């Protein structure tokens, strides 16, 4: 008799595009993030700032941009790691 443990590998997400890729410094606007391996997303970051988000599909997330200035790299994280490099988002 042997003990078997189920193992599920979680991939590293890839971010390919943002729509829109810019927004107000006050934040609070919706940003659609396109890419892959989003199903098990645990976090979305605009730079170092965590943003609220909803996973729509394995290839799409809708996030709410936090307040910010200048530009920030948007990344998605799963238990398998974080997307790298991020895709730039510009505050206007």
N, C-alpha and C. Protein backbone atom coordinates (compact mmCIF):
# COMPACT_ATOMS: atom_id res chain seq x y z
N UNK A 1 0.85 -1.17 0.00
CA UNK A 1 0.00 0.00 0.00
C UNK A 1 0.90 1.24 0.00
N UNK A 2 0.56 2.19 -0.82
CA UNK A 2 1.36 3.41 -0.87
C UNK A 2 0.47 4.62 -0.69
N UNK A 3 1.06 5.66 -0.16
CA UNK A 3 0.33 6.91 0.00
C UNK A 3 0.55 7.74 -1.26
N UNK A 4 -0.53 8.23 -1.79
CA UNK A 4 -0.45 9.09 -2.97
C UNK A 4 -0.99 10.46 -2.62
N UNK A 5 -0.27 11.44 -3.01
CA UNK A 5 -0.69 12.81 -2.79
C UNK A 5 -0.90 13.46 -4.15
N UNK A 6 -2.06 14.03 -4.33
CA UNK A 6 -2.33 14.73 -5.59
C UNK A 6 -1.51 16.01 -5.63
N UNK A 7 -0.93 16.27 -6.78
CA UNK A 7 -0.12 17.47 -6.96
C UNK A 7 -0.62 18.20 -8.19
N UNK A 8 -0.93 19.45 -8.02
CA UNK A 8 -1.36 20.27 -9.14
C UNK A 8 -0.37 21.40 -9.31
N UNK A 9 0.19 21.48 -10.49
CA UNK A 9 1.14 22.55 -10.78
C UNK A 9 0.39 23.80 -11.21
N UNK A 10 0.75 24.92 -10.62
CA UNK A 10 0.15 26.20 -10.99
C UNK A 10 1.19 26.96 -11.80
N UNK A 11 0.83 27.33 -13.02
CA UNK A 11 1.78 28.01 -13.89
C UNK A 11 2.00 29.46 -13.51
N UNK A 12 2.98 30.04 -14.16
CA UNK A 12 3.29 31.46 -13.97
C UNK A 12 2.48 32.27 -14.98
N UNK A 13 1.74 33.28 -14.53
CA UNK A 13 0.92 34.05 -15.46
C UNK A 13 1.77 34.91 -16.40
N UNK A 14 1.16 35.26 -17.53
CA UNK A 14 1.79 36.12 -18.52
C UNK A 14 0.81 37.25 -18.84
N UNK A 15 1.24 38.50 -18.69
CA UNK A 15 0.41 39.66 -19.04
C UNK A 15 0.88 40.16 -20.39
N UNK A 16 -0.08 40.31 -21.34
CA UNK A 16 0.29 40.75 -22.69
C UNK A 16 -0.23 42.14 -23.03
N UNK A 17 -1.33 42.58 -22.40
CA UNK A 17 -1.90 43.88 -22.76
C UNK A 17 -2.82 44.40 -21.66
N UNK A 18 -2.99 45.72 -21.64
CA UNK A 18 -3.91 46.40 -20.73
C UNK A 18 -4.86 47.25 -21.56
N UNK A 19 -6.13 47.29 -21.16
CA UNK A 19 -7.09 48.15 -21.85
C UNK A 19 -8.01 48.80 -20.83
N UNK A 20 -7.90 50.10 -20.62
CA UNK A 20 -6.93 51.01 -21.21
C UNK A 20 -5.57 50.84 -20.55
N UNK A 21 -4.54 51.40 -21.18
CA UNK A 21 -3.19 51.31 -20.60
C UNK A 21 -2.79 52.61 -19.91
N UNK A 22 -3.78 53.48 -19.69
CA UNK A 22 -3.55 54.71 -18.93
C UNK A 22 -4.85 55.10 -18.25
N UNK A 23 -4.73 55.93 -17.19
CA UNK A 23 -5.90 56.36 -16.46
C UNK A 23 -5.57 57.48 -15.50
N UNK A 24 -6.59 57.98 -14.80
CA UNK A 24 -6.41 59.13 -13.92
C UNK A 24 -5.56 58.80 -12.68
N UNK A 25 -4.87 59.83 -12.18
CA UNK A 25 -4.04 59.64 -10.98
C UNK A 25 -4.89 59.23 -9.77
N UNK A 26 -6.17 59.57 -9.79
CA UNK A 26 -7.07 59.19 -8.69
C UNK A 26 -7.39 57.70 -8.70
N UNK A 27 -7.12 57.02 -9.82
CA UNK A 27 -7.43 55.60 -9.90
C UNK A 27 -8.92 55.35 -9.98
N UNK A 28 -9.36 54.19 -9.53
CA UNK A 28 -10.75 53.76 -9.46
C UNK A 28 -11.37 53.39 -10.80
N UNK A 29 -10.61 53.40 -11.88
CA UNK A 29 -11.15 52.99 -13.17
C UNK A 29 -10.86 51.51 -13.40
N UNK A 30 -11.70 50.88 -14.22
CA UNK A 30 -11.53 49.47 -14.55
C UNK A 30 -10.48 49.31 -15.64
N UNK A 31 -9.63 48.31 -15.47
CA UNK A 31 -8.60 47.99 -16.44
C UNK A 31 -8.71 46.50 -16.76
N UNK A 32 -8.86 46.19 -18.04
CA UNK A 32 -8.89 44.79 -18.46
C UNK A 32 -7.46 44.35 -18.75
N UNK A 33 -7.08 43.26 -18.12
CA UNK A 33 -5.73 42.71 -18.28
C UNK A 33 -5.86 41.45 -19.13
N UNK A 34 -5.12 41.42 -20.24
CA UNK A 34 -5.14 40.26 -21.13
C UNK A 34 -3.85 39.48 -20.96
N UNK A 35 -3.94 38.17 -21.12
CA UNK A 35 -2.76 37.33 -21.01
C UNK A 35 -3.16 35.87 -20.89
N UNK A 36 -2.45 35.14 -20.04
CA UNK A 36 -2.74 33.72 -19.86
C UNK A 36 -2.36 33.26 -18.45
N UNK A 37 -2.89 32.11 -18.08
CA UNK A 37 -2.67 31.47 -16.78
C UNK A 37 -3.19 32.36 -15.64
N UNK A 38 -4.41 32.89 -15.83
CA UNK A 38 -5.01 33.77 -14.83
C UNK A 38 -6.00 33.06 -13.90
N UNK A 39 -6.40 31.84 -14.21
CA UNK A 39 -7.45 31.18 -13.43
C UNK A 39 -7.17 31.16 -11.93
N UNK A 40 -5.94 30.89 -11.55
CA UNK A 40 -5.59 30.79 -10.13
C UNK A 40 -4.89 32.04 -9.61
N UNK A 41 -5.19 33.21 -10.21
CA UNK A 41 -4.56 34.46 -9.78
C UNK A 41 -4.85 34.74 -8.31
N UNK A 42 -3.81 35.16 -7.59
CA UNK A 42 -3.96 35.50 -6.18
C UNK A 42 -3.84 37.00 -5.94
N UNK A 43 -3.13 37.69 -6.82
CA UNK A 43 -2.92 39.13 -6.66
C UNK A 43 -2.72 39.80 -8.01
N UNK A 44 -3.09 41.09 -8.05
CA UNK A 44 -2.77 41.97 -9.17
C UNK A 44 -2.09 43.18 -8.56
N UNK A 45 -0.98 43.59 -9.15
CA UNK A 45 -0.24 44.75 -8.65
C UNK A 45 -0.07 45.80 -9.73
N UNK A 46 -0.23 47.06 -9.34
CA UNK A 46 0.16 48.20 -10.16
C UNK A 46 1.40 48.74 -9.46
N UNK A 47 2.57 48.41 -9.99
CA UNK A 47 3.80 48.68 -9.25
C UNK A 47 3.80 47.81 -8.00
N UNK A 48 3.97 48.42 -6.84
CA UNK A 48 3.96 47.68 -5.57
C UNK A 48 2.61 47.71 -4.88
N UNK A 49 1.61 48.32 -5.53
CA UNK A 49 0.29 48.49 -4.91
C UNK A 49 -0.66 47.39 -5.37
N UNK A 50 -1.21 46.66 -4.41
CA UNK A 50 -2.17 45.60 -4.70
C UNK A 50 -3.49 46.23 -5.15
N UNK A 51 -4.11 45.65 -6.17
CA UNK A 51 -5.36 46.17 -6.70
C UNK A 51 -6.46 45.12 -6.59
N UNK A 52 -7.70 45.55 -6.33
CA UNK A 52 -8.81 44.60 -6.35
C UNK A 52 -9.05 44.12 -7.78
N UNK A 53 -9.45 42.87 -7.93
CA UNK A 53 -9.63 42.31 -9.27
C UNK A 53 -10.63 41.17 -9.27
N UNK A 54 -11.10 40.84 -10.48
CA UNK A 54 -11.95 39.68 -10.70
C UNK A 54 -11.39 38.91 -11.89
N UNK A 55 -11.27 37.61 -11.73
CA UNK A 55 -10.85 36.77 -12.84
C UNK A 55 -12.07 36.49 -13.70
N UNK A 56 -12.01 36.90 -14.96
CA UNK A 56 -13.11 36.68 -15.90
C UNK A 56 -12.92 35.34 -16.60
N UNK A 57 -11.69 35.05 -16.98
CA UNK A 57 -11.35 33.78 -17.63
C UNK A 57 -9.85 33.55 -17.45
N UNK A 58 -9.36 32.44 -17.99
CA UNK A 58 -7.94 32.15 -17.88
C UNK A 58 -7.09 33.18 -18.62
N UNK A 59 -7.73 33.95 -19.52
CA UNK A 59 -6.98 34.93 -20.31
C UNK A 59 -7.40 36.37 -20.07
N UNK A 60 -8.30 36.58 -19.07
CA UNK A 60 -8.75 37.96 -18.84
C UNK A 60 -9.07 38.20 -17.36
N UNK A 61 -8.58 39.34 -16.87
CA UNK A 61 -8.85 39.82 -15.51
C UNK A 61 -9.33 41.25 -15.64
N UNK A 62 -10.28 41.64 -14.81
CA UNK A 62 -10.67 43.04 -14.72
C UNK A 62 -10.25 43.53 -13.34
N UNK A 63 -9.40 44.56 -13.32
CA UNK A 63 -8.89 45.12 -12.07
C UNK A 63 -9.33 46.56 -11.93
N UNK A 64 -9.32 47.05 -10.70
CA UNK A 64 -9.57 48.46 -10.43
C UNK A 64 -8.24 49.12 -10.13
N UNK A 65 -7.88 50.09 -10.98
CA UNK A 65 -6.58 50.74 -10.81
C UNK A 65 -6.55 51.53 -9.50
N UNK A 66 -5.48 51.38 -8.73
CA UNK A 66 -5.32 52.20 -7.53
C UNK A 66 -4.84 53.60 -7.91
N UNK A 67 -4.90 54.52 -6.99
CA UNK A 67 -4.35 55.86 -7.24
C UNK A 67 -2.85 55.74 -7.44
N UNK A 68 -2.30 56.63 -8.25
CA UNK A 68 -0.86 56.59 -8.49
C UNK A 68 -0.41 57.77 -9.32
N UNK A 69 0.86 57.80 -9.64
CA UNK A 69 1.43 58.87 -10.47
C UNK A 69 2.52 58.28 -11.34
N UNK A 70 2.78 58.93 -12.47
CA UNK A 70 3.82 58.44 -13.37
C UNK A 70 3.37 57.17 -14.06
N UNK A 71 4.18 56.13 -13.97
CA UNK A 71 3.80 54.86 -14.56
C UNK A 71 4.08 53.73 -13.58
N UNK A 72 3.39 52.63 -13.80
CA UNK A 72 3.55 51.46 -12.94
C UNK A 72 3.49 50.22 -13.81
N UNK A 73 4.27 49.22 -13.47
CA UNK A 73 4.20 47.95 -14.18
C UNK A 73 3.10 47.11 -13.55
N UNK A 74 2.20 46.61 -14.39
CA UNK A 74 1.10 45.78 -13.90
C UNK A 74 1.53 44.32 -14.00
N UNK A 75 1.39 43.61 -12.88
CA UNK A 75 1.74 42.20 -12.83
C UNK A 75 0.61 41.42 -12.19
N UNK A 76 0.57 40.13 -12.51
CA UNK A 76 -0.40 39.20 -11.95
C UNK A 76 0.39 38.10 -11.26
N UNK A 77 -0.06 37.69 -10.08
CA UNK A 77 0.63 36.64 -9.34
C UNK A 77 -0.29 35.44 -9.11
N UNK A 78 0.31 34.26 -9.11
CA UNK A 78 -0.35 33.02 -8.71
C UNK A 78 0.59 32.33 -7.72
N UNK A 79 0.18 31.18 -7.21
CA UNK A 79 1.06 30.41 -6.35
C UNK A 79 2.31 29.97 -7.10
N UNK A 80 2.24 29.96 -8.45
CA UNK A 80 3.37 29.55 -9.27
C UNK A 80 4.37 30.65 -9.55
N UNK A 81 4.04 31.89 -9.17
CA UNK A 81 4.95 33.00 -9.40
C UNK A 81 4.23 34.21 -9.95
N UNK A 82 4.99 35.23 -10.30
CA UNK A 82 4.42 36.48 -10.81
C UNK A 82 4.85 36.70 -12.25
N UNK A 83 3.97 37.34 -13.01
CA UNK A 83 4.31 37.67 -14.39
C UNK A 83 5.50 38.62 -14.41
N UNK A 84 6.36 38.42 -15.39
CA UNK A 84 7.54 39.28 -15.50
C UNK A 84 7.99 39.28 -16.95
N UNK A 85 8.28 40.40 -17.54
CA UNK A 85 8.15 41.73 -16.91
C UNK A 85 6.70 42.15 -16.91
N UNK A 86 6.39 43.18 -16.16
CA UNK A 86 5.04 43.71 -16.15
C UNK A 86 4.78 44.54 -17.39
N UNK A 87 3.52 44.90 -17.58
CA UNK A 87 3.12 45.75 -18.69
C UNK A 87 2.86 47.15 -18.13
N UNK A 88 3.41 48.20 -18.77
CA UNK A 88 3.28 49.55 -18.21
C UNK A 88 1.87 50.13 -18.29
N UNK A 89 1.49 50.78 -17.19
CA UNK A 89 0.24 51.53 -17.07
C UNK A 89 0.65 52.95 -16.70
N UNK A 90 0.10 53.94 -17.41
CA UNK A 90 0.49 55.33 -17.19
C UNK A 90 -0.63 56.13 -16.55
N UNK A 91 -0.29 56.86 -15.49
CA UNK A 91 -1.25 57.75 -14.83
C UNK A 91 -1.17 59.11 -15.51
N UNK A 92 -2.33 59.65 -15.90
CA UNK A 92 -2.37 60.95 -16.59
C UNK A 92 -3.23 61.94 -15.85
